[in-house]
N, C-alpha and C. Protein backbone atom coordinates (compact mmCIF):
# COMPACT_ATOMS: atom_id res chain seq x y z
N MET A 1 14.09 0.34 -10.99
CA MET A 1 13.00 0.56 -10.55
C MET A 1 11.95 -0.13 -11.47
N ALA A 2 11.95 -1.07 -12.09
CA ALA A 2 10.93 -1.68 -13.34
C ALA A 2 9.60 -1.30 -12.76
N TRP A 3 9.41 -1.82 -11.79
CA TRP A 3 7.70 -1.89 -11.68
C TRP A 3 7.07 -0.57 -11.45
N ARG A 4 7.79 0.31 -11.14
CA ARG A 4 7.65 2.07 -11.24
C ARG A 4 7.24 2.32 -12.63
N GLN A 5 8.15 2.17 -13.62
CA GLN A 5 8.61 2.58 -15.09
C GLN A 5 7.06 2.09 -15.90
N GLU A 6 6.94 0.92 -15.61
CA GLU A 6 5.89 0.33 -16.37
C GLU A 6 4.57 1.07 -16.45
N ARG A 7 4.12 1.27 -14.96
CA ARG A 7 2.73 2.24 -14.77
C ARG A 7 2.50 2.39 -13.45
N ARG A 8 1.57 3.21 -13.20
CA ARG A 8 1.49 3.63 -11.54
C ARG A 8 0.43 2.06 -11.46
N MET A 9 1.24 1.77 -10.05
CA MET A 9 0.32 0.48 -9.55
C MET A 9 -0.50 1.21 -8.72
N ARG A 10 -1.55 0.32 -8.27
CA ARG A 10 -2.84 0.80 -7.60
C ARG A 10 -3.09 -0.42 -6.45
N TYR A 11 -3.07 -0.40 -5.22
CA TYR A 11 -3.34 -1.35 -4.56
C TYR A 11 -4.71 -0.58 -3.71
N ARG A 12 -4.99 -1.63 -3.01
CA ARG A 12 -6.23 -1.38 -1.98
C ARG A 12 -5.34 -1.09 -0.69
N VAL A 13 -5.41 -0.08 -0.17
CA VAL A 13 -5.05 0.19 1.14
C VAL A 13 -6.66 0.25 2.42
N LEU A 14 -6.61 -1.07 3.50
CA LEU A 14 -7.57 -0.32 4.37
C LEU A 14 -6.95 0.40 5.66
N ILE A 15 -7.71 1.29 6.16
CA ILE A 15 -7.35 2.09 7.21
C ILE A 15 -8.50 2.34 8.06
N GLN A 16 -7.80 1.67 9.54
CA GLN A 16 -8.53 1.84 10.66
C GLN A 16 -7.82 2.50 11.73
N GLN A 17 -8.86 3.23 12.78
CA GLN A 17 -8.00 4.05 13.78
C GLN A 17 -7.99 3.20 15.05
N ASP A 18 -7.07 3.08 15.75
CA ASP A 18 -6.72 2.10 16.93
C ASP A 18 -7.91 2.84 18.06
N GLU A 19 -7.53 1.98 19.20
CA GLU A 19 -7.84 2.46 20.38
C GLU A 19 -7.04 3.72 21.08
N ASP A 20 -5.91 4.23 20.23
CA ASP A 20 -5.26 5.07 20.95
C ASP A 20 -5.40 6.42 19.88
N GLY A 21 -6.18 6.19 19.04
CA GLY A 21 -6.64 7.38 18.16
C GLY A 21 -5.32 7.48 16.96
N ILE A 22 -4.84 6.47 16.66
CA ILE A 22 -3.42 6.31 15.39
C ILE A 22 -4.29 5.42 14.51
N TYR A 23 -3.89 6.40 13.27
CA TYR A 23 -4.38 5.08 12.21
C TYR A 23 -3.42 4.17 11.74
N VAL A 24 -3.74 3.22 11.81
CA VAL A 24 -3.13 2.12 10.77
C VAL A 24 -3.35 1.61 9.47
N ALA A 25 -2.92 1.50 8.40
CA ALA A 25 -2.82 1.44 6.88
C ALA A 25 -2.00 0.11 6.73
N GLU A 26 -3.25 -0.76 6.06
CA GLU A 26 -2.42 -2.08 5.97
C GLU A 26 -2.82 -2.40 4.62
N VAL A 27 -2.14 -3.00 3.46
CA VAL A 27 -1.93 -3.54 2.12
C VAL A 27 -2.07 -4.95 2.17
N PRO A 28 -3.55 -5.33 1.90
CA PRO A 28 -3.58 -6.57 2.15
C PRO A 28 -3.02 -7.56 0.87
N SER A 29 -2.61 -6.90 -0.41
CA SER A 29 -2.28 -7.56 -1.31
C SER A 29 -0.39 -7.58 -1.14
N LEU A 30 0.04 -7.06 0.16
CA LEU A 30 1.46 -6.90 -0.01
C LEU A 30 1.47 -7.14 1.75
N PRO A 31 1.36 -8.83 1.96
CA PRO A 31 1.69 -9.16 3.69
C PRO A 31 2.63 -8.61 3.95
N GLY A 32 1.61 -8.06 5.20
CA GLY A 32 3.15 -7.44 6.25
C GLY A 32 3.27 -5.79 5.99
N CYS A 33 2.98 -5.10 4.85
CA CYS A 33 2.87 -3.93 4.54
C CYS A 33 1.97 -3.26 5.06
N ILE A 34 2.48 -2.63 6.24
CA ILE A 34 1.76 -2.06 7.28
C ILE A 34 2.34 -0.87 7.97
N SER A 35 1.70 0.44 7.88
CA SER A 35 2.26 1.65 8.26
C SER A 35 0.90 2.10 9.18
N GLN A 36 1.52 3.57 9.94
CA GLN A 36 0.75 3.86 10.53
C GLN A 36 1.01 5.40 10.95
N GLY A 37 -0.20 6.29 11.29
CA GLY A 37 0.37 8.03 11.36
C GLY A 37 -0.69 8.27 12.56
N ARG A 38 -0.31 9.60 12.95
CA ARG A 38 -1.69 10.55 13.62
C ARG A 38 -2.81 10.81 13.14
N SER A 39 -2.78 10.84 12.06
CA SER A 39 -3.47 11.56 11.11
C SER A 39 -4.13 10.58 9.85
N ARG A 40 -5.06 10.89 9.50
CA ARG A 40 -5.55 9.61 7.88
C ARG A 40 -4.36 10.26 7.09
N GLU A 41 -4.31 11.43 6.62
CA GLU A 41 -3.64 11.88 5.76
C GLU A 41 -1.48 11.41 6.05
N GLU A 42 -1.17 11.48 7.31
CA GLU A 42 0.00 10.94 7.80
C GLU A 42 0.25 9.26 7.47
N ALA A 43 -0.78 8.65 8.24
CA ALA A 43 -1.17 6.98 7.57
C ALA A 43 -0.64 6.84 6.00
N VAL A 44 -1.40 7.58 5.63
CA VAL A 44 -1.73 7.13 3.86
C VAL A 44 0.09 7.66 3.44
N ALA A 45 0.62 8.68 3.76
CA ALA A 45 1.92 9.21 3.63
C ALA A 45 2.81 8.03 3.80
N ASN A 46 2.76 7.37 4.85
CA ASN A 46 3.25 6.46 5.48
C ASN A 46 3.51 5.27 4.78
N VAL A 47 1.97 4.69 4.93
CA VAL A 47 2.07 3.45 4.11
C VAL A 47 2.69 3.31 2.48
N ARG A 48 2.31 4.89 1.65
CA ARG A 48 3.07 4.86 0.60
C ARG A 48 4.50 4.49 0.64
N GLU A 49 5.17 5.17 1.40
CA GLU A 49 6.61 4.98 1.41
C GLU A 49 6.88 3.65 1.48
N ALA A 50 6.11 2.94 2.85
CA ALA A 50 6.38 1.46 2.96
C ALA A 50 6.13 0.71 1.42
N MET A 51 5.35 0.84 1.07
CA MET A 51 4.64 -0.25 -0.30
C MET A 51 6.10 0.25 -1.22
N ALA A 52 6.42 1.58 -1.56
CA ALA A 52 7.44 1.33 -2.45
C ALA A 52 8.92 0.58 -1.92
N ALA A 53 9.10 0.76 -0.81
CA ALA A 53 10.03 -0.08 -0.45
C ALA A 53 9.84 -1.76 -0.54
N TYR A 54 8.61 -1.91 -0.21
CA TYR A 54 8.57 -3.25 -0.37
C TYR A 54 8.39 -4.18 -1.73
N LEU A 55 8.28 -2.82 -2.48
CA LEU A 55 8.09 -3.48 -4.02
C LEU A 55 9.27 -3.31 -4.58
N GLN A 56 9.87 -2.48 -3.88
CA GLN A 56 11.45 -2.19 -4.45
C GLN A 56 12.33 -3.78 -3.98
N SER A 57 12.00 -3.96 -2.72
CA SER A 57 12.52 -5.04 -2.15
C SER A 57 12.31 -6.61 -2.63
N LEU A 58 10.69 -6.21 -2.87
CA LEU A 58 10.42 -7.54 -4.37
C LEU A 58 11.58 -7.92 -5.55
N GLU A 59 11.25 -6.55 -6.15
CA GLU A 59 12.01 -6.33 -7.31
C GLU A 59 13.55 -6.66 -7.13
N ASP A 60 14.33 -6.37 -5.81
CA ASP A 60 15.83 -6.27 -5.63
C ASP A 60 16.06 -8.06 -5.30
N HIS A 61 15.08 -8.97 -5.11
CA HIS A 61 15.31 -10.15 -4.68
C HIS A 61 14.63 -11.05 -5.65
N GLY A 62 14.17 -10.19 -6.86
CA GLY A 62 13.67 -11.13 -7.99
C GLY A 62 12.52 -11.80 -7.94
N ASP A 63 11.56 -11.15 -6.79
CA ASP A 63 10.30 -12.06 -6.62
C ASP A 63 9.48 -11.25 -7.64
N PRO A 64 8.39 -12.04 -7.46
CA PRO A 64 7.04 -11.47 -8.65
C PRO A 64 6.38 -10.40 -7.70
N ILE A 65 6.03 -9.28 -8.40
CA ILE A 65 5.40 -8.17 -8.26
C ILE A 65 4.15 -8.47 -8.19
N PRO A 66 3.19 -8.39 -7.00
CA PRO A 66 1.47 -8.48 -7.38
C PRO A 66 1.15 -7.47 -8.03
N PRO A 67 0.12 -8.25 -8.77
CA PRO A 67 -0.85 -7.38 -9.53
C PRO A 67 -1.32 -6.04 -8.87
N PRO A 68 -1.46 -5.15 -9.83
CA PRO A 68 -2.48 -3.98 -8.84
C PRO A 68 -3.53 -4.39 -9.15
N ILE A 69 -4.72 -3.79 -8.17
CA ILE A 69 -6.18 -4.04 -8.51
C ILE A 69 -6.79 -3.56 -9.50
N SER A 70 -7.89 -4.22 -10.20
CA SER A 70 -8.35 -3.09 -11.18
C SER A 70 -9.80 -3.65 -10.87
N GLU A 71 -10.43 -2.56 -10.63
CA GLU A 71 -11.85 -2.82 -10.06
C GLU A 71 -12.44 -1.69 -10.56
N GLU A 72 -14.05 -2.00 -10.37
CA GLU A 72 -15.02 -0.55 -10.83
C GLU A 72 -15.48 -0.59 -9.95
N ILE A 73 -16.41 0.51 -9.74
CA ILE A 73 -17.32 1.15 -8.52
C ILE A 73 -18.62 0.81 -8.87
N VAL A 74 -19.42 0.41 -8.60
CA VAL A 74 -20.93 0.23 -9.18
C VAL A 74 -21.91 1.12 -7.94
N GLU A 75 -22.53 1.95 -8.39
CA GLU A 75 -23.52 3.08 -7.78
C GLU A 75 -24.99 2.62 -7.81
N LEU A 76 -25.84 2.15 -6.94
CA LEU A 76 -27.03 2.41 -7.62
C LEU A 76 -27.87 3.35 -6.57
């Protein structure tokens, strides 16, 4: 898990509640990396596991790891 040993990776996660009340979490930087949960917290925990598996799969196949986000929040 070289990607984990380097440093903590940060990716933007979009969370929306669907029409059935399920929370859906999607990682735009990792195409197809989506999970869900009955609560926001469960969705975050599930997508964290999905992200780890996604990055591990990229590493196992020798594919490049997308760079983590780097952003500033500016409050006005």
